[in-house]
Amino acid sequence: MHPGVLHLLMDLEDRMLLIMLPSSTRLFETQTRQAQQNALIEISLMLRAHKARSGAYPNSLAAAWPEKTPPPNDLFTDKPLIYQRQGDGYLLYSVGINGADDGGLQENRKDDLAIKATR
């Protein structure tokens, strides 16, 4: 193949990659967000089961986890999910795609990765 044609094809591949990269990134973010939401729901169910057995939510996620392995980490940071006892309830959340702990529930965002139980 002529070197000029090969160079043109490589440029075309690079351009296609640049066009497709944002879509791939959004797809990855969407899939990770959905997986994180599913994990939060699963953990929430375990917390409710713990409350049904003991009468109160645990002081930590590890206290409610049935196995000797720790609860799953935040998929966005690979650090522990944030769990806070709040009165008779709790707040459980992921920091999300920005990786910053902004306190969980944000009223101006409709796609929070948080679960808040008030009792």
Protein backbone atom coordinates (compact mmCIF):
# COMPACT_ATOMS: atom_id res chain seq x y z
CA MET A 1 0.00 0.00 0.00
CA HIS A 2 1.26 3.48 -0.84
CA PRO A 3 2.58 5.32 2.26
CA GLY A 4 0.32 8.32 1.55
CA VAL A 5 -2.78 6.10 1.53
CA LEU A 6 -1.70 4.37 4.74
CA HIS A 7 -1.22 7.78 6.40
CA LEU A 8 -4.67 8.87 5.20
CA LEU A 9 -6.26 5.69 6.61
CA MET A 10 -4.52 6.21 9.95
CA ASP A 11 -5.79 9.77 10.09
CA LEU A 12 -9.28 8.49 9.30
CA GLU A 13 -9.03 5.93 12.11
CA ASP A 14 -7.89 8.62 14.52
CA ARG A 15 -10.77 10.88 13.49
CA MET A 16 -13.27 8.04 13.92
CA LEU A 17 -11.83 7.29 17.35
CA LEU A 18 -12.22 10.94 18.36
CA ILE A 19 -15.82 10.89 17.14
CA MET A 20 -16.67 7.65 18.92
CA LEU A 21 -14.80 8.29 22.18
CA PRO A 22 -17.39 10.61 23.77
CA SER A 23 -20.14 8.08 23.07
CA SER A 24 -18.07 5.27 24.56
CA THR A 25 -17.31 7.35 27.63
CA ARG A 26 -20.99 8.19 28.15
CA LEU A 27 -21.91 4.52 27.72
CA PHE A 28 -19.32 3.49 30.33
CA GLU A 29 -20.55 6.19 32.73
CA THR A 30 -24.18 5.12 32.23
CA GLN A 31 -23.37 1.45 32.80
CA THR A 32 -21.29 2.25 35.90
CA ARG A 33 -24.03 4.50 37.27
CA GLN A 34 -26.63 1.74 36.78
CA ALA A 35 -24.38 -0.86 38.42
CA GLN A 36 -23.81 1.52 41.35
CA GLN A 37 -27.54 2.16 41.72
CA ASN A 38 -28.15 -1.59 41.78
CA ALA A 39 -25.48 -2.07 44.45
CA LEU A 40 -26.98 0.71 46.58
CA ILE A 41 -30.40 -0.94 46.36
CA GLU A 42 -28.92 -4.31 47.34
CA ILE A 43 -27.14 -2.77 50.33
CA SER A 44 -30.31 -0.90 51.31
CA LEU A 45 -32.21 -4.20 51.40
CA MET A 46 -29.51 -5.69 53.62
CA LEU A 47 -29.75 -2.68 55.93
CA ARG A 48 -33.53 -3.12 56.17
CA ALA A 49 -33.08 -6.81 56.94
CA HIS A 50 -30.61 -5.89 59.68
CA LYS A 51 -33.12 -3.43 61.13
CA ALA A 52 -35.88 -6.06 61.03
CA ARG A 53 -33.66 -8.48 63.00
CA SER A 54 -32.15 -6.05 65.50
CA GLY A 55 -34.63 -3.17 65.69
CA ALA A 56 -32.22 -0.51 64.38
CA TYR A 57 -29.99 0.24 61.45
CA PRO A 58 -26.33 -0.64 62.06
CA ASN A 59 -23.70 1.94 62.92
CA SER A 60 -21.59 0.81 59.95
CA LEU A 61 -22.09 -1.08 56.70
CA ALA A 62 -19.72 -3.80 57.84
CA ALA A 63 -21.99 -4.55 60.82
CA ALA A 64 -24.86 -5.42 58.46
CA TRP A 65 -22.80 -7.36 55.95
CA PRO A 66 -23.38 -11.11 56.27
CA GLU A 67 -19.99 -12.30 55.11
CA LYS A 68 -16.49 -11.71 56.37
CA THR A 69 -15.71 -9.78 53.21
CA PRO A 70 -16.33 -6.04 53.30
CA PRO A 71 -19.29 -4.46 51.51
CA PRO A 72 -18.68 -3.45 47.89
CA ASN A 73 -16.76 -0.25 47.27
CA ASP A 74 -17.94 2.79 45.35
CA LEU A 75 -17.53 1.92 41.68
CA PHE A 76 -16.40 5.43 40.84
CA THR A 77 -13.56 5.68 43.38
CA ASP A 78 -12.93 2.10 44.56
CA LYS A 79 -13.23 3.46 48.11
CA PRO A 80 -15.95 2.57 50.63
CA LEU A 81 -19.43 3.88 49.98
CA ILE A 82 -20.47 6.62 52.38
CA TYR A 83 -22.87 5.48 55.08
CA GLN A 84 -24.09 7.75 57.85
CA ARG A 85 -26.58 7.00 60.59
CA GLN A 86 -29.07 9.84 60.82
CA GLY A 87 -31.49 9.64 63.72
CA ASP A 88 -33.58 6.50 63.23
CA GLY A 89 -32.48 6.25 59.58
CA TYR A 90 -29.39 6.52 57.43
CA LEU A 91 -27.88 8.06 54.34
CA LEU A 92 -25.99 5.80 51.92
CA TYR A 93 -24.37 7.18 48.80
CA SER A 94 -21.74 7.04 46.10
CA VAL A 95 -19.66 10.10 45.28
CA GLY A 96 -20.52 9.60 41.61
CA ILE A 97 -18.59 10.38 38.48
CA ASN A 98 -16.87 13.51 39.84
CA GLY A 99 -15.36 11.49 42.71
CA ALA A 100 -16.06 14.30 45.19
CA ASP A 101 -18.02 13.82 48.39
CA ASP A 102 -20.70 16.49 47.98
CA GLY A 103 -22.88 15.15 50.77
CA GLY A 104 -25.02 12.65 48.90
CA LEU A 105 -28.45 13.98 48.16
CA GLN A 106 -28.41 17.16 46.15
CA GLU A 107 -31.77 18.76 45.50
CA ASN A 108 -30.70 20.23 42.18
CA ARG A 109 -29.72 16.82 40.75
CA LYS A 110 -32.27 14.26 39.71
CA ASP A 111 -29.80 11.41 39.21
CA ASP A 112 -28.39 11.06 42.71
CA LEU A 113 -26.61 7.91 43.68
CA ALA A 114 -27.99 8.01 47.18
CA ILE A 115 -30.57 6.29 49.35
CA LYS A 116 -31.95 8.01 52.41
CA ALA A 117 -34.05 6.14 54.96
CA THR A 118 -35.75 8.21 57.60
CA ARG A 119 -36.97 5.33 59.76
